[in-house]
Amino acid sequence: MKRILLTGGPGTGKTTVLQHLKDRGHTCFEEVSRAIILEAQENGIEQLYLTHPEAFNNKLLKGRIQQHLDCETINTDFIFLDRGIPDIIAYNNYINVANSNSAIKATQQYLYDFVFVFPPWKDIYKKDNERYETYEEAVKIYEDLKKTYLNLGYEVLEIPIDTVNERTNYILNIVEYS
């Protein structure tokens, strides 16, 4: 079983491609942070990530480690994940928050077989209830994500700006023939 990670700045089409992969019958794990953000908002905390980054990161790390472990229980060739553990490091670097030892250790312990990064795409970028960044901030986050994964020794495969179907085919062609 191979863990295939989809990452990139906010609003780049990751979730749409993940849904397309799911529609094609592939096993996919959705982004953990949206559920954490919604839970915090229900408890009156508008941006947990900005106001309590350590609490947010602890919940996020726990959720992403659990997804990684859950992969072991599924009998399939490929599992697609929306964001990974190293994203925590990149986002902390973006907002100048120190990374915890547990997050750093987790990036070394829980690895991914493929890392696909979605580049910024202004034409599809939209803010929503959980996405507060401007497009310019999304570009900077993308740069921090790419740098983080490269620094961790991953080969980072950039998704072309194209239709959802072509982006999905690009990923599948690489993972199925590697």
N, C-alpha and C. Protein backbone atom coordinates (compact mmCIF):
# COMPACT_ATOMS: atom_id res chain seq x y z
N MET A 1 0.84 -1.18 0.00
CA MET A 1 0.00 0.00 0.00
C MET A 1 0.89 1.24 0.00
N LYS A 2 0.52 2.18 -0.82
CA LYS A 2 1.27 3.43 -0.93
C LYS A 2 0.41 4.59 -0.46
N ARG A 3 1.04 5.45 0.34
CA ARG A 3 0.39 6.67 0.80
C ARG A 3 0.75 7.79 -0.16
N ILE A 4 -0.28 8.37 -0.78
CA ILE A 4 -0.06 9.43 -1.75
C ILE A 4 -0.62 10.72 -1.18
N LEU A 5 0.26 11.68 -0.99
CA LEU A 5 -0.10 12.93 -0.33
C LEU A 5 -0.39 14.02 -1.35
N LEU A 6 -1.49 14.73 -1.13
CA LEU A 6 -1.84 15.91 -1.91
C LEU A 6 -1.69 17.11 -0.99
N THR A 7 -0.84 18.04 -1.36
CA THR A 7 -0.64 19.23 -0.54
C THR A 7 -0.53 20.45 -1.44
N GLY A 8 -0.46 21.59 -0.83
CA GLY A 8 -0.36 22.86 -1.55
C GLY A 8 -1.02 23.94 -0.72
N GLY A 9 -0.87 25.15 -1.17
CA GLY A 9 -1.50 26.26 -0.47
C GLY A 9 -3.01 26.15 -0.50
N PRO A 10 -3.68 26.96 0.27
CA PRO A 10 -5.15 26.94 0.28
C PRO A 10 -5.72 27.35 -1.07
N GLY A 11 -6.84 26.74 -1.42
CA GLY A 11 -7.57 27.14 -2.62
C GLY A 11 -6.92 26.76 -3.93
N THR A 12 -6.22 25.63 -3.96
CA THR A 12 -5.52 25.22 -5.18
C THR A 12 -6.16 24.03 -5.88
N GLY A 13 -7.25 23.49 -5.32
CA GLY A 13 -7.97 22.40 -5.96
C GLY A 13 -7.71 21.02 -5.40
N LYS A 14 -7.00 20.94 -4.27
CA LYS A 14 -6.69 19.64 -3.67
C LYS A 14 -7.95 18.85 -3.34
N THR A 15 -8.87 19.47 -2.64
CA THR A 15 -10.08 18.78 -2.19
C THR A 15 -10.93 18.35 -3.37
N THR A 16 -10.98 19.14 -4.41
CA THR A 16 -11.75 18.79 -5.60
C THR A 16 -11.16 17.56 -6.28
N VAL A 17 -9.83 17.53 -6.42
CA VAL A 17 -9.18 16.37 -7.02
C VAL A 17 -9.35 15.15 -6.13
N LEU A 18 -9.23 15.34 -4.82
CA LEU A 18 -9.43 14.22 -3.89
C LEU A 18 -10.83 13.64 -4.05
N GLN A 19 -11.83 14.49 -4.18
CA GLN A 19 -13.19 14.01 -4.39
C GLN A 19 -13.31 13.26 -5.72
N HIS A 20 -12.62 13.73 -6.73
CA HIS A 20 -12.62 13.07 -8.04
C HIS A 20 -11.98 11.68 -7.93
N LEU A 21 -10.89 11.58 -7.17
CA LEU A 21 -10.26 10.28 -6.93
C LEU A 21 -11.22 9.34 -6.19
N LYS A 22 -11.92 9.89 -5.21
CA LYS A 22 -12.90 9.11 -4.45
C LYS A 22 -14.03 8.64 -5.38
N ASP A 23 -14.50 9.53 -6.24
CA ASP A 23 -15.56 9.18 -7.19
C ASP A 23 -15.12 8.06 -8.14
N ARG A 24 -13.83 7.97 -8.37
CA ARG A 24 -13.29 6.91 -9.23
C ARG A 24 -13.02 5.62 -8.46
N GLY A 25 -13.37 5.61 -7.19
CA GLY A 25 -13.27 4.39 -6.40
C GLY A 25 -12.01 4.25 -5.57
N HIS A 26 -11.22 5.31 -5.46
CA HIS A 26 -9.99 5.25 -4.67
C HIS A 26 -10.26 5.60 -3.21
N THR A 27 -9.45 5.05 -2.33
CA THR A 27 -9.55 5.34 -0.91
C THR A 27 -8.88 6.68 -0.63
N CYS A 28 -9.61 7.57 0.02
CA CYS A 28 -9.11 8.93 0.27
C CYS A 28 -9.40 9.34 1.71
N PHE A 29 -8.46 10.05 2.30
CA PHE A 29 -8.65 10.66 3.61
C PHE A 29 -8.72 12.17 3.42
N GLU A 30 -9.75 12.75 3.98
CA GLU A 30 -9.96 14.19 3.83
C GLU A 30 -9.11 14.98 4.81
N GLU A 31 -9.01 16.26 4.56
CA GLU A 31 -8.24 17.18 5.39
C GLU A 31 -8.78 17.20 6.82
N VAL A 32 -7.90 17.02 7.78
CA VAL A 32 -8.25 16.98 9.20
C VAL A 32 -8.56 18.37 9.74
N SER A 33 -7.88 19.38 9.24
CA SER A 33 -7.97 20.71 9.84
C SER A 33 -9.36 21.33 9.74
N ARG A 34 -10.09 21.04 8.67
CA ARG A 34 -11.42 21.64 8.53
C ARG A 34 -12.33 21.25 9.70
N ALA A 35 -12.29 20.00 10.11
CA ALA A 35 -13.12 19.56 11.24
C ALA A 35 -12.68 20.25 12.53
N ILE A 36 -11.37 20.41 12.71
CA ILE A 36 -10.85 21.08 13.91
C ILE A 36 -11.28 22.55 13.93
N ILE A 37 -11.19 23.20 12.78
CA ILE A 37 -11.59 24.61 12.68
C ILE A 37 -13.08 24.78 12.95
N LEU A 38 -13.89 23.92 12.36
CA LEU A 38 -15.35 24.01 12.58
C LEU A 38 -15.71 23.77 14.04
N GLU A 39 -15.06 22.79 14.66
CA GLU A 39 -15.31 22.52 16.08
C GLU A 39 -14.96 23.73 16.94
N ALA A 40 -13.83 24.35 16.66
CA ALA A 40 -13.42 25.54 17.41
C ALA A 40 -14.40 26.68 17.21
N GLN A 41 -14.86 26.87 15.96
CA GLN A 41 -15.81 27.94 15.68
C GLN A 41 -17.13 27.70 16.41
N GLU A 42 -17.54 26.46 16.51
CA GLU A 42 -18.76 26.14 17.27
C GLU A 42 -18.60 26.46 18.74
N ASN A 43 -17.34 26.46 19.21
CA ASN A 43 -17.04 26.80 20.60
C ASN A 43 -16.63 28.26 20.77
N GLY A 44 -16.87 29.08 19.73
CA GLY A 44 -16.63 30.51 19.84
C GLY A 44 -15.22 30.97 19.53
N ILE A 45 -14.38 30.09 19.00
CA ILE A 45 -13.01 30.47 18.65
C ILE A 45 -12.95 30.55 17.13
N GLU A 46 -12.87 31.77 16.61
CA GLU A 46 -12.97 31.97 15.16
C GLU A 46 -11.79 31.36 14.41
N GLN A 47 -10.57 31.61 14.88
CA GLN A 47 -9.38 31.08 14.20
C GLN A 47 -8.44 30.44 15.23
N LEU A 48 -8.72 29.20 15.59
CA LEU A 48 -7.92 28.48 16.57
C LEU A 48 -6.45 28.44 16.16
N TYR A 49 -6.20 28.27 14.86
CA TYR A 49 -4.83 28.21 14.36
C TYR A 49 -4.05 29.48 14.67
N LEU A 50 -4.71 30.63 14.57
CA LEU A 50 -4.02 31.90 14.81
C LEU A 50 -3.99 32.28 16.29
N THR A 51 -5.06 31.96 17.02
CA THR A 51 -5.13 32.39 18.42
C THR A 51 -4.49 31.39 19.39
N HIS A 52 -4.54 30.10 19.05
CA HIS A 52 -3.97 29.04 19.91
C HIS A 52 -3.25 28.01 19.03
N PRO A 53 -2.14 28.44 18.36
CA PRO A 53 -1.50 27.54 17.41
C PRO A 53 -1.03 26.21 18.01
N GLU A 54 -0.59 26.23 19.25
CA GLU A 54 -0.11 24.98 19.86
C GLU A 54 -1.26 23.98 20.03
N ALA A 55 -2.40 24.45 20.51
CA ALA A 55 -3.56 23.56 20.67
C ALA A 55 -4.03 23.03 19.31
N PHE A 56 -4.08 23.92 18.33
CA PHE A 56 -4.48 23.52 16.98
C PHE A 56 -3.52 22.48 16.43
N ASN A 57 -2.21 22.75 16.54
CA ASN A 57 -1.21 21.83 16.01
C ASN A 57 -1.24 20.47 16.70
N ASN A 58 -1.49 20.45 18.00
CA ASN A 58 -1.57 19.17 18.71
C ASN A 58 -2.74 18.33 18.20
N LYS A 59 -3.89 18.97 18.00
CA LYS A 59 -5.05 18.25 17.46
C LYS A 59 -4.78 17.79 16.03
N LEU A 60 -4.17 18.65 15.26
CA LEU A 60 -3.87 18.34 13.86
C LEU A 60 -2.87 17.19 13.77
N LEU A 61 -1.82 17.23 14.56
CA LEU A 61 -0.82 16.18 14.56
C LEU A 61 -1.45 14.84 14.95
N LYS A 62 -2.27 14.86 15.97
CA LYS A 62 -2.93 13.62 16.41
C LYS A 62 -3.80 13.07 15.27
N GLY A 63 -4.56 13.92 14.61
CA GLY A 63 -5.43 13.49 13.53
C GLY A 63 -4.67 12.96 12.33
N ARG A 64 -3.58 13.61 11.97
CA ARG A 64 -2.81 13.17 10.81
C ARG A 64 -2.04 11.89 11.09
N ILE A 65 -1.55 11.73 12.32
CA ILE A 65 -0.91 10.46 12.69
C ILE A 65 -1.95 9.35 12.64
N GLN A 66 -3.15 9.62 13.13
CA GLN A 66 -4.20 8.60 13.12
C GLN A 66 -4.53 8.20 11.68
N GLN A 67 -4.61 9.17 10.78
CA GLN A 67 -4.86 8.83 9.37
C GLN A 67 -3.75 7.92 8.84
N HIS A 68 -2.52 8.26 9.18
CA HIS A 68 -1.39 7.46 8.73
C HIS A 68 -1.52 6.02 9.23
N LEU A 69 -1.88 5.88 10.50
CA LEU A 69 -2.05 4.54 11.08
C LEU A 69 -3.25 3.82 10.47
N ASP A 70 -4.32 4.56 10.21
CA ASP A 70 -5.51 3.96 9.60
C ASP A 70 -5.21 3.37 8.23
N CYS A 71 -4.24 3.92 7.54
CA CYS A 71 -3.86 3.38 6.23
C CYS A 71 -3.47 1.91 6.33
N GLU A 72 -2.86 1.53 7.44
CA GLU A 72 -2.40 0.15 7.63
C GLU A 72 -3.55 -0.85 7.68
N THR A 73 -4.74 -0.37 8.00
CA THR A 73 -5.87 -1.28 8.18
C THR A 73 -6.69 -1.46 6.90
N ILE A 74 -6.28 -0.80 5.83
CA ILE A 74 -7.05 -0.82 4.58
C ILE A 74 -6.29 -1.60 3.53
N ASN A 75 -6.97 -2.56 2.92
CA ASN A 75 -6.34 -3.39 1.91
C ASN A 75 -6.59 -2.79 0.53
N THR A 76 -5.66 -1.97 0.09
CA THR A 76 -5.73 -1.33 -1.22
C THR A 76 -4.31 -0.96 -1.66
N ASP A 77 -4.15 -0.71 -2.94
CA ASP A 77 -2.82 -0.36 -3.45
C ASP A 77 -2.42 1.07 -3.10
N PHE A 78 -3.40 1.98 -3.16
CA PHE A 78 -3.11 3.40 -2.96
C PHE A 78 -4.11 4.02 -2.00
N ILE A 79 -3.61 4.91 -1.16
CA ILE A 79 -4.48 5.73 -0.31
C ILE A 79 -4.03 7.18 -0.51
N PHE A 80 -4.99 8.02 -0.81
CA PHE A 80 -4.73 9.44 -1.07
C PHE A 80 -5.10 10.25 0.17
N LEU A 81 -4.20 11.13 0.58
CA LEU A 81 -4.41 11.94 1.78
C LEU A 81 -4.35 13.42 1.42
N ASP A 82 -5.32 14.18 1.93
CA ASP A 82 -5.37 15.62 1.76
C ASP A 82 -4.56 16.26 2.90
N ARG A 83 -3.33 16.60 2.60
CA ARG A 83 -2.34 17.19 3.50
C ARG A 83 -1.68 16.13 4.38
N GLY A 84 -0.47 16.46 4.82
CA GLY A 84 0.31 15.52 5.62
C GLY A 84 0.92 16.17 6.85
N ILE A 85 1.63 15.37 7.59
CA ILE A 85 2.25 15.82 8.83
C ILE A 85 3.23 16.97 8.59
N PRO A 86 4.08 16.92 7.55
CA PRO A 86 5.00 18.05 7.33
C PRO A 86 4.31 19.38 7.06
N ASP A 87 3.04 19.36 6.66
CA ASP A 87 2.32 20.62 6.48
C ASP A 87 2.29 21.43 7.78
N ILE A 88 2.26 20.74 8.90
CA ILE A 88 2.27 21.42 10.20
C ILE A 88 3.54 22.25 10.34
N ILE A 89 4.67 21.66 9.99
CA ILE A 89 5.96 22.35 10.06
C ILE A 89 5.94 23.59 9.15
N ALA A 90 5.47 23.40 7.91
CA ALA A 90 5.45 24.50 6.94
C ALA A 90 4.56 25.64 7.40
N TYR A 91 3.36 25.32 7.90
CA TYR A 91 2.46 26.38 8.36
C TYR A 91 3.03 27.09 9.58
N ASN A 92 3.68 26.36 10.48
CA ASN A 92 4.31 27.01 11.63
C ASN A 92 5.42 27.95 11.17
N ASN A 93 6.19 27.51 10.19
CA ASN A 93 7.24 28.38 9.65
C ASN A 93 6.62 29.63 9.04
N TYR A 94 5.49 29.45 8.38
CA TYR A 94 4.80 30.57 7.74
C TYR A 94 4.39 31.64 8.76
N ILE A 95 3.90 31.21 9.93
CA ILE A 95 3.46 32.20 10.94
C ILE A 95 4.50 32.42 12.04
N ASN A 96 5.71 31.90 11.82
CA ASN A 96 6.82 32.09 12.78
C ASN A 96 6.50 31.54 14.16
N VAL A 97 5.97 30.32 14.20
CA VAL A 97 5.71 29.62 15.46
C VAL A 97 6.68 28.45 15.53
N ALA A 98 7.27 28.25 16.70
CA ALA A 98 8.22 27.15 16.87
C ALA A 98 7.53 25.81 16.67
N ASN A 99 8.25 24.89 16.07
CA ASN A 99 7.72 23.54 15.87
C ASN A 99 8.02 22.69 17.09
N SER A 100 7.04 21.89 17.48
CA SER A 100 7.22 21.01 18.63
C SER A 100 8.12 19.84 18.24
N ASN A 101 8.80 19.28 19.23
CA ASN A 101 9.62 18.10 18.99
C ASN A 101 8.78 16.95 18.48
N SER A 102 7.55 16.83 18.97
CA SER A 102 6.70 15.73 18.53
C SER A 102 6.32 15.87 17.06
N ALA A 103 6.12 17.09 16.58
CA ALA A 103 5.81 17.29 15.16
C ALA A 103 7.03 16.97 14.30
N ILE A 104 8.19 17.42 14.73
CA ILE A 104 9.42 17.15 13.99
C ILE A 104 9.68 15.64 13.95
N LYS A 105 9.55 14.99 15.08
CA LYS A 105 9.77 13.54 15.14
C LYS A 105 8.76 12.81 14.25
N ALA A 106 7.52 13.26 14.24
CA ALA A 106 6.49 12.60 13.44
C ALA A 106 6.79 12.69 11.95
N THR A 107 7.43 13.79 11.51
CA THR A 107 7.77 13.90 10.08
C THR A 107 8.82 12.88 9.69
N GLN A 108 9.60 12.42 10.65
CA GLN A 108 10.62 11.42 10.39
C GLN A 108 10.08 9.99 10.52
N GLN A 109 9.05 9.83 11.33
CA GLN A 109 8.50 8.50 11.61
C GLN A 109 7.41 8.10 10.62
N TYR A 110 6.57 9.03 10.23
CA TYR A 110 5.41 8.74 9.38
C TYR A 110 5.67 9.32 7.99
N LEU A 111 6.00 8.45 7.05
CA LEU A 111 6.44 8.90 5.74
C LEU A 111 5.37 8.66 4.67
N TYR A 112 5.54 9.34 3.56
CA TYR A 112 4.63 9.24 2.42
C TYR A 112 5.42 8.73 1.21
N ASP A 113 4.73 7.99 0.35
CA ASP A 113 5.39 7.41 -0.82
C ASP A 113 5.47 8.38 -1.99
N PHE A 114 4.48 9.24 -2.11
CA PHE A 114 4.45 10.26 -3.16
C PHE A 114 3.95 11.56 -2.53
N VAL A 115 4.54 12.67 -2.96
CA VAL A 115 4.07 13.99 -2.52
C VAL A 115 3.77 14.81 -3.78
N PHE A 116 2.50 15.13 -3.95
CA PHE A 116 2.06 15.99 -5.05
C PHE A 116 1.70 17.35 -4.47
N VAL A 117 2.25 18.40 -5.05
CA VAL A 117 1.96 19.75 -4.57
C VAL A 117 1.16 20.48 -5.64
N PHE A 118 0.10 21.13 -5.18
CA PHE A 118 -0.77 21.91 -6.05
C PHE A 118 -0.30 23.37 -6.01
N PRO A 119 0.07 23.94 -7.15
CA PRO A 119 0.55 25.32 -7.16
C PRO A 119 -0.60 26.32 -7.04
N PRO A 120 -0.29 27.54 -6.67
CA PRO A 120 -1.32 28.58 -6.62
C PRO A 120 -1.98 28.74 -7.99
N TRP A 121 -3.27 29.00 -7.95
CA TRP A 121 -4.04 29.17 -9.18
C TRP A 121 -5.10 30.24 -8.90
N LYS A 122 -4.77 31.46 -9.28
CA LYS A 122 -5.62 32.61 -8.94
C LYS A 122 -7.04 32.47 -9.44
N ASP A 123 -7.24 31.86 -10.62
CA ASP A 123 -8.57 31.75 -11.21
C ASP A 123 -9.54 30.91 -10.37
N ILE A 124 -9.03 29.98 -9.57
CA ILE A 124 -9.94 29.14 -8.78
C ILE A 124 -9.90 29.47 -7.29
N TYR A 125 -9.01 30.38 -6.88
CA TYR A 125 -8.88 30.69 -5.45
C TYR A 125 -10.12 31.42 -4.93
N LYS A 126 -10.65 30.92 -3.80
CA LYS A 126 -11.78 31.56 -3.12
C LYS A 126 -11.59 31.43 -1.62
N LYS A 127 -11.94 32.46 -0.89
CA LYS A 127 -11.99 32.37 0.56
C LYS A 127 -13.27 31.64 0.94
N ASP A 128 -13.25 30.96 2.09
CA ASP A 128 -14.47 30.34 2.61
C ASP A 128 -14.43 30.39 4.13
N ASN A 129 -15.33 29.67 4.76
CA ASN A 129 -15.46 29.72 6.22
C ASN A 129 -14.20 29.29 6.95
N GLU A 130 -13.43 28.35 6.38
CA GLU A 130 -12.21 27.88 7.03
C GLU A 130 -10.94 28.43 6.38
N ARG A 131 -11.07 29.09 5.26
CA ARG A 131 -9.92 29.60 4.51
C ARG A 131 -9.93 31.13 4.62
N TYR A 132 -9.03 31.66 5.41
CA TYR A 132 -9.01 33.10 5.68
C TYR A 132 -7.89 33.82 4.95
N GLU A 133 -6.97 33.09 4.32
CA GLU A 133 -5.80 33.70 3.72
C GLU A 133 -6.15 34.42 2.42
N THR A 134 -5.38 35.48 2.14
CA THR A 134 -5.48 36.14 0.84
C THR A 134 -4.77 35.25 -0.18
N TYR A 135 -4.96 35.56 -1.45
CA TYR A 135 -4.28 34.80 -2.49
C TYR A 135 -2.75 34.93 -2.33
N GLU A 136 -2.27 36.13 -2.02
CA GLU A 136 -0.84 36.34 -1.84
C GLU A 136 -0.29 35.51 -0.68
N GLU A 137 -1.07 35.41 0.39
CA GLU A 137 -0.66 34.56 1.52
C GLU A 137 -0.66 33.09 1.11
N ALA A 138 -1.63 32.70 0.30
CA ALA A 138 -1.69 31.31 -0.20
C ALA A 138 -0.44 30.97 -1.01
N VAL A 139 0.05 31.93 -1.78
CA VAL A 139 1.28 31.72 -2.56
C VAL A 139 2.46 31.49 -1.63
N LYS A 140 2.57 32.29 -0.59
CA LYS A 140 3.66 32.15 0.38
C LYS A 140 3.57 30.79 1.10
N ILE A 141 2.37 30.37 1.45
CA ILE A 141 2.19 29.07 2.11
C ILE A 141 2.64 27.95 1.17
N TYR A 142 2.26 28.05 -0.09
CA TYR A 142 2.71 27.07 -1.09
C TYR A 142 4.23 26.98 -1.11
N GLU A 143 4.89 28.13 -1.12
CA GLU A 143 6.35 28.15 -1.16
C GLU A 143 6.94 27.49 0.09
N ASP A 144 6.34 27.77 1.26
CA ASP A 144 6.81 27.16 2.51
C ASP A 144 6.57 25.65 2.51
N LEU A 145 5.44 25.22 1.98
CA LEU A 145 5.15 23.79 1.90
C LEU A 145 6.16 23.07 1.01
N LYS A 146 6.37 23.61 -0.16
CA LYS A 146 7.29 22.99 -1.11
C LYS A 146 8.70 22.90 -0.51
N LYS A 147 9.15 23.99 0.09
CA LYS A 147 10.47 24.03 0.71
C LYS A 147 10.58 23.00 1.84
N THR A 148 9.54 22.90 2.66
CA THR A 148 9.55 21.95 3.79
C THR A 148 9.69 20.52 3.29
N TYR A 149 8.87 20.14 2.32
CA TYR A 149 8.93 18.77 1.81
C TYR A 149 10.28 18.49 1.14
N LEU A 150 10.80 19.43 0.39
CA LEU A 150 12.11 19.24 -0.23
C LEU A 150 13.19 19.09 0.84
N ASN A 151 13.13 19.91 1.89
CA ASN A 151 14.10 19.83 2.97
C ASN A 151 14.03 18.50 3.72
N LEU A 152 12.86 17.88 3.70
CA LEU A 152 12.70 16.57 4.36
C LEU A 152 13.10 15.42 3.43
N GLY A 153 13.54 15.76 2.23
CA GLY A 153 14.04 14.73 1.32
C GLY A 153 13.03 14.14 0.37
N TYR A 154 11.85 14.72 0.30
CA TYR A 154 10.83 14.21 -0.62
C TYR A 154 11.06 14.73 -2.03
N GLU A 155 10.71 13.90 -3.00
CA GLU A 155 10.59 14.38 -4.37
C GLU A 155 9.19 15.00 -4.44
N VAL A 156 9.14 16.25 -4.80
CA VAL A 156 7.86 16.97 -4.85
C VAL A 156 7.42 17.07 -6.31
N LEU A 157 6.27 16.49 -6.59
CA LEU A 157 5.72 16.47 -7.94
C LEU A 157 4.64 17.53 -8.05
N GLU A 158 4.86 18.50 -8.93
CA GLU A 158 3.91 19.60 -9.05
C GLU A 158 2.77 19.25 -10.01
N ILE A 159 1.56 19.49 -9.54
CA ILE A 159 0.36 19.22 -10.32
C ILE A 159 0.19 20.32 -11.36
N PRO A 160 -0.06 19.95 -12.60
CA PRO A 160 -0.27 20.98 -13.63
C PRO A 160 -1.60 21.71 -13.43
N ILE A 161 -1.65 22.93 -13.87
CA ILE A 161 -2.90 23.69 -13.86
C ILE A 161 -3.68 23.22 -15.08
N ASP A 162 -4.77 22.52 -14.81
CA ASP A 162 -5.54 21.87 -15.88
C ASP A 162 -6.91 21.50 -15.31
N THR A 163 -7.68 20.78 -16.07
CA THR A 163 -9.00 20.35 -15.60
C THR A 163 -8.85 19.36 -14.44
N VAL A 164 -9.91 19.20 -13.69
CA VAL A 164 -9.91 18.23 -12.58
C VAL A 164 -9.57 16.84 -13.11
N ASN A 165 -10.17 16.47 -14.22
CA ASN A 165 -9.93 15.15 -14.79
C ASN A 165 -8.45 14.97 -15.18
N GLU A 166 -7.87 15.97 -15.81
CA GLU A 166 -6.46 15.87 -16.22
C GLU A 166 -5.52 15.88 -15.03
N ARG A 167 -5.84 16.64 -14.02
CA ARG A 167 -5.02 16.65 -12.80
C ARG A 167 -5.06 15.28 -12.13
N THR A 168 -6.25 14.71 -12.08
CA THR A 168 -6.42 13.38 -11.49
C THR A 168 -5.65 12.35 -12.31
N ASN A 169 -5.76 12.41 -13.63
CA ASN A 169 -5.04 11.48 -14.50
C ASN A 169 -3.53 11.61 -14.32
N TYR A 170 -3.05 12.83 -14.16
CA TYR A 170 -1.62 13.06 -13.94
C TYR A 170 -1.13 12.29 -12.71
N ILE A 171 -1.87 12.41 -11.63
CA ILE A 171 -1.50 11.71 -10.39
C ILE A 171 -1.54 10.20 -10.59
N LEU A 172 -2.64 9.71 -11.14
CA LEU A 172 -2.81 8.26 -11.30
C LEU A 172 -1.76 7.68 -12.25
N ASN A 173 -1.42 8.39 -13.31
CA ASN A 173 -0.41 7.89 -14.23
C ASN A 173 0.94 7.72 -13.53
N ILE A 174 1.28 8.62 -12.66
CA ILE A 174 2.55 8.52 -11.94
C ILE A 174 2.52 7.39 -10.92
N VAL A 175 1.49 7.33 -10.09
CA VAL A 175 1.48 6.33 -9.02
C VAL A 175 1.25 4.92 -9.55
N GLU A 176 0.50 4.79 -10.61
CA GLU A 176 0.21 3.45 -11.13
C GLU A 176 1.37 2.88 -11.93
N TYR A 177 2.24 3.73 -12.46
CA TYR A 177 3.35 3.23 -13.29
C TYR A 177 4.70 3.44 -12.65
N SER A 178 4.73 3.71 -11.36
CA SER A 178 6.01 3.88 -10.65
C SER A 178 6.38 2.61 -9.91
